[in-house]
Amino acid sequence: MSETDENASKRGSHGIAVATPSPQPTPPPKPLVAFNRLELNTILKLYGRMVADGEWRDYAIDLMSERAVFSVFRHSSEMPLYRIEKNPKLARRQGAYSVVATGGMILKRGHDLAQVLKVLEKKKHLRLIDA
């Protein structure tokens, strides 16, 4: 494109120069909260055991600007059985990690993910078997 063509394209239908709007800078996207590798490893260990026991069948991970959520499902078409949440804003108060049941009730909250996940461990009861 020549310089005259460029100038002509900037002019309106009557030959009057039209100001072209400069592109507005877009604000940088907010960083997402995510589980780190150790946290995800701890969660997936529990998930693997529960899948092997037939308790859980599916999961979903949601990363948002304020929290990260690992949802556990018995059937993928249902509501999640539990949500394992990481909310860094609560880290200095009640703890960044929490386990939330289907109805929204917080089962456990704390600073240590492994301790918080113990609420989901199946209770293994010892039984006396007659031989």
Protein backbone atom coordinates (compact mmCIF):
# COMPACT_ATOMS: atom_id res chain seq x y z
CA MET A 1 0.00 0.00 0.00
CA SER A 2 1.45 3.35 -0.96
CA GLU A 3 1.50 6.39 1.25
CA THR A 4 -1.28 8.08 -0.74
CA ASP A 5 -3.50 4.99 -0.40
CA GLU A 6 -2.83 4.97 3.32
CA ASN A 7 -3.74 8.65 3.65
CA ALA A 8 -6.88 8.11 1.56
CA SER A 9 -8.02 5.30 3.80
CA LYS A 10 -7.76 7.63 6.81
CA ARG A 11 -10.02 10.20 5.19
CA GLY A 12 -13.78 10.13 5.29
CA SER A 13 -16.13 10.15 2.29
CA HIS A 14 -15.72 13.95 1.85
CA GLY A 15 -11.93 13.94 2.03
CA ILE A 16 -11.85 15.07 5.68
CA ALA A 17 -9.27 13.33 7.87
CA VAL A 18 -10.88 11.00 10.42
CA ALA A 19 -9.14 10.23 13.68
CA THR A 20 -8.64 6.51 14.22
CA PRO A 21 -9.00 5.41 17.82
CA SER A 22 -5.83 4.06 19.34
CA PRO A 23 -6.14 0.55 20.74
CA GLN A 24 -6.77 0.57 24.47
CA PRO A 25 -4.31 -1.48 26.49
CA THR A 26 -6.06 -4.43 28.07
CA PRO A 27 -5.41 -4.95 31.74
CA PRO A 28 -3.40 -8.07 32.52
CA PRO A 29 -5.58 -11.02 33.53
CA LYS A 30 -5.84 -11.80 37.22
CA PRO A 31 -3.65 -14.71 38.25
CA LEU A 32 -5.51 -17.92 38.97
CA VAL A 33 -5.24 -19.83 42.23
CA ALA A 34 -4.09 -23.39 41.57
CA PHE A 35 -3.02 -26.48 43.47
CA ASN A 36 0.74 -27.01 43.39
CA ARG A 37 2.25 -30.39 42.55
CA LEU A 38 2.52 -31.59 46.17
CA GLU A 39 -1.06 -30.58 46.97
CA LEU A 40 -2.37 -32.26 43.84
CA ASN A 41 -0.35 -35.39 44.59
CA THR A 42 -1.87 -35.58 48.10
CA ILE A 43 -5.40 -35.13 46.72
CA LEU A 44 -4.91 -37.66 43.90
CA LYS A 45 -3.57 -40.30 46.32
CA LEU A 46 -6.81 -40.10 48.28
CA TYR A 47 -8.83 -39.99 45.06
CA GLY A 48 -7.10 -43.13 43.75
CA ARG A 49 -7.83 -45.07 46.94
CA MET A 50 -11.48 -44.02 46.90
CA VAL A 51 -11.86 -44.97 43.23
CA ALA A 52 -10.32 -48.37 43.96
CA ASP A 53 -12.87 -48.84 46.76
CA GLY A 54 -15.68 -47.92 44.39
CA GLU A 55 -16.70 -44.80 46.34
CA TRP A 56 -15.75 -42.12 43.81
CA ARG A 57 -15.83 -42.18 40.02
CA ASP A 58 -15.09 -38.74 38.61
CA TYR A 59 -13.52 -35.41 39.49
CA ALA A 60 -13.26 -31.84 38.24
CA ILE A 61 -10.73 -29.09 38.91
CA ASP A 62 -11.81 -25.44 38.80
CA LEU A 63 -9.21 -22.69 38.95
CA MET A 64 -10.53 -19.23 39.77
CA SER A 65 -9.03 -15.91 40.74
CA GLU A 66 -9.81 -16.35 44.45
CA ARG A 67 -9.76 -20.12 44.99
CA ALA A 68 -9.07 -23.52 43.47
CA VAL A 69 -11.60 -26.34 43.81
CA PHE A 70 -11.19 -30.10 43.36
CA SER A 71 -14.71 -31.58 43.14
CA VAL A 72 -15.38 -35.30 43.64
CA PHE A 73 -18.34 -37.09 42.07
CA ARG A 74 -19.93 -40.50 42.46
CA HIS A 75 -21.59 -40.06 39.05
CA SER A 76 -20.52 -37.32 36.67
CA SER A 77 -24.11 -36.14 36.13
CA GLU A 78 -24.69 -35.45 39.81
CA MET A 79 -23.69 -32.73 42.23
CA PRO A 80 -20.21 -33.20 43.70
CA LEU A 81 -20.03 -35.33 46.84
CA TYR A 82 -17.22 -33.20 48.22
CA ARG A 83 -15.27 -30.13 47.25
CA ILE A 84 -11.67 -29.74 48.34
CA GLU A 85 -10.98 -26.01 48.27
CA LYS A 86 -7.85 -23.90 48.47
CA ASN A 87 -8.48 -20.25 49.35
CA PRO A 88 -5.21 -18.36 50.01
CA LYS A 89 -7.08 -15.39 51.54
CA LEU A 90 -7.99 -17.59 54.53
CA ALA A 91 -4.44 -18.91 55.01
CA ARG A 92 -3.67 -16.67 58.00
CA ARG A 93 -7.06 -17.17 59.64
CA GLN A 94 -8.76 -20.56 59.55
CA GLY A 95 -6.46 -22.16 57.00
CA ALA A 96 -6.33 -22.16 53.22
CA TYR A 97 -7.76 -25.67 52.81
CA SER A 98 -11.29 -26.89 53.43
CA VAL A 99 -13.49 -29.87 52.63
CA VAL A 100 -17.09 -28.97 51.81
CA ALA A 101 -19.95 -31.50 51.64
CA THR A 102 -22.76 -31.52 49.06
CA GLY A 103 -25.06 -29.27 51.06
CA GLY A 104 -22.35 -26.64 51.56
CA MET A 105 -21.42 -27.68 55.10
CA ILE A 106 -17.72 -27.30 55.82
CA LEU A 107 -16.53 -30.63 57.21
CA LYS A 108 -13.00 -29.55 58.06
CA ARG A 109 -10.76 -26.54 57.57
CA GLY A 110 -7.09 -26.08 58.30
CA HIS A 111 -3.56 -25.12 57.33
CA ASP A 112 -2.32 -28.65 56.48
CA LEU A 113 -3.96 -30.31 53.47
CA ALA A 114 -3.15 -33.87 54.61
CA GLN A 115 -4.84 -33.26 57.97
CA VAL A 116 -7.89 -31.69 56.33
CA LEU A 117 -8.27 -34.65 53.94
CA LYS A 118 -8.35 -37.12 56.83
CA VAL A 119 -12.04 -36.27 57.26
CA LEU A 120 -12.65 -38.10 53.96
CA GLU A 121 -10.71 -41.25 54.84
CA LYS A 122 -12.85 -44.31 55.27
CA LYS A 123 -12.95 -45.60 58.80
CA LYS A 124 -11.54 -49.10 58.83
CA HIS A 125 -13.20 -50.97 61.63
CA LEU A 126 -11.60 -54.08 63.01
CA ARG A 127 -13.93 -57.03 63.14
CA LEU A 128 -13.56 -60.23 65.06
CA ILE A 129 -13.97 -63.21 62.76
CA ASP A 130 -14.79 -66.62 64.24
CA ALA A 131 -12.74 -69.36 62.70
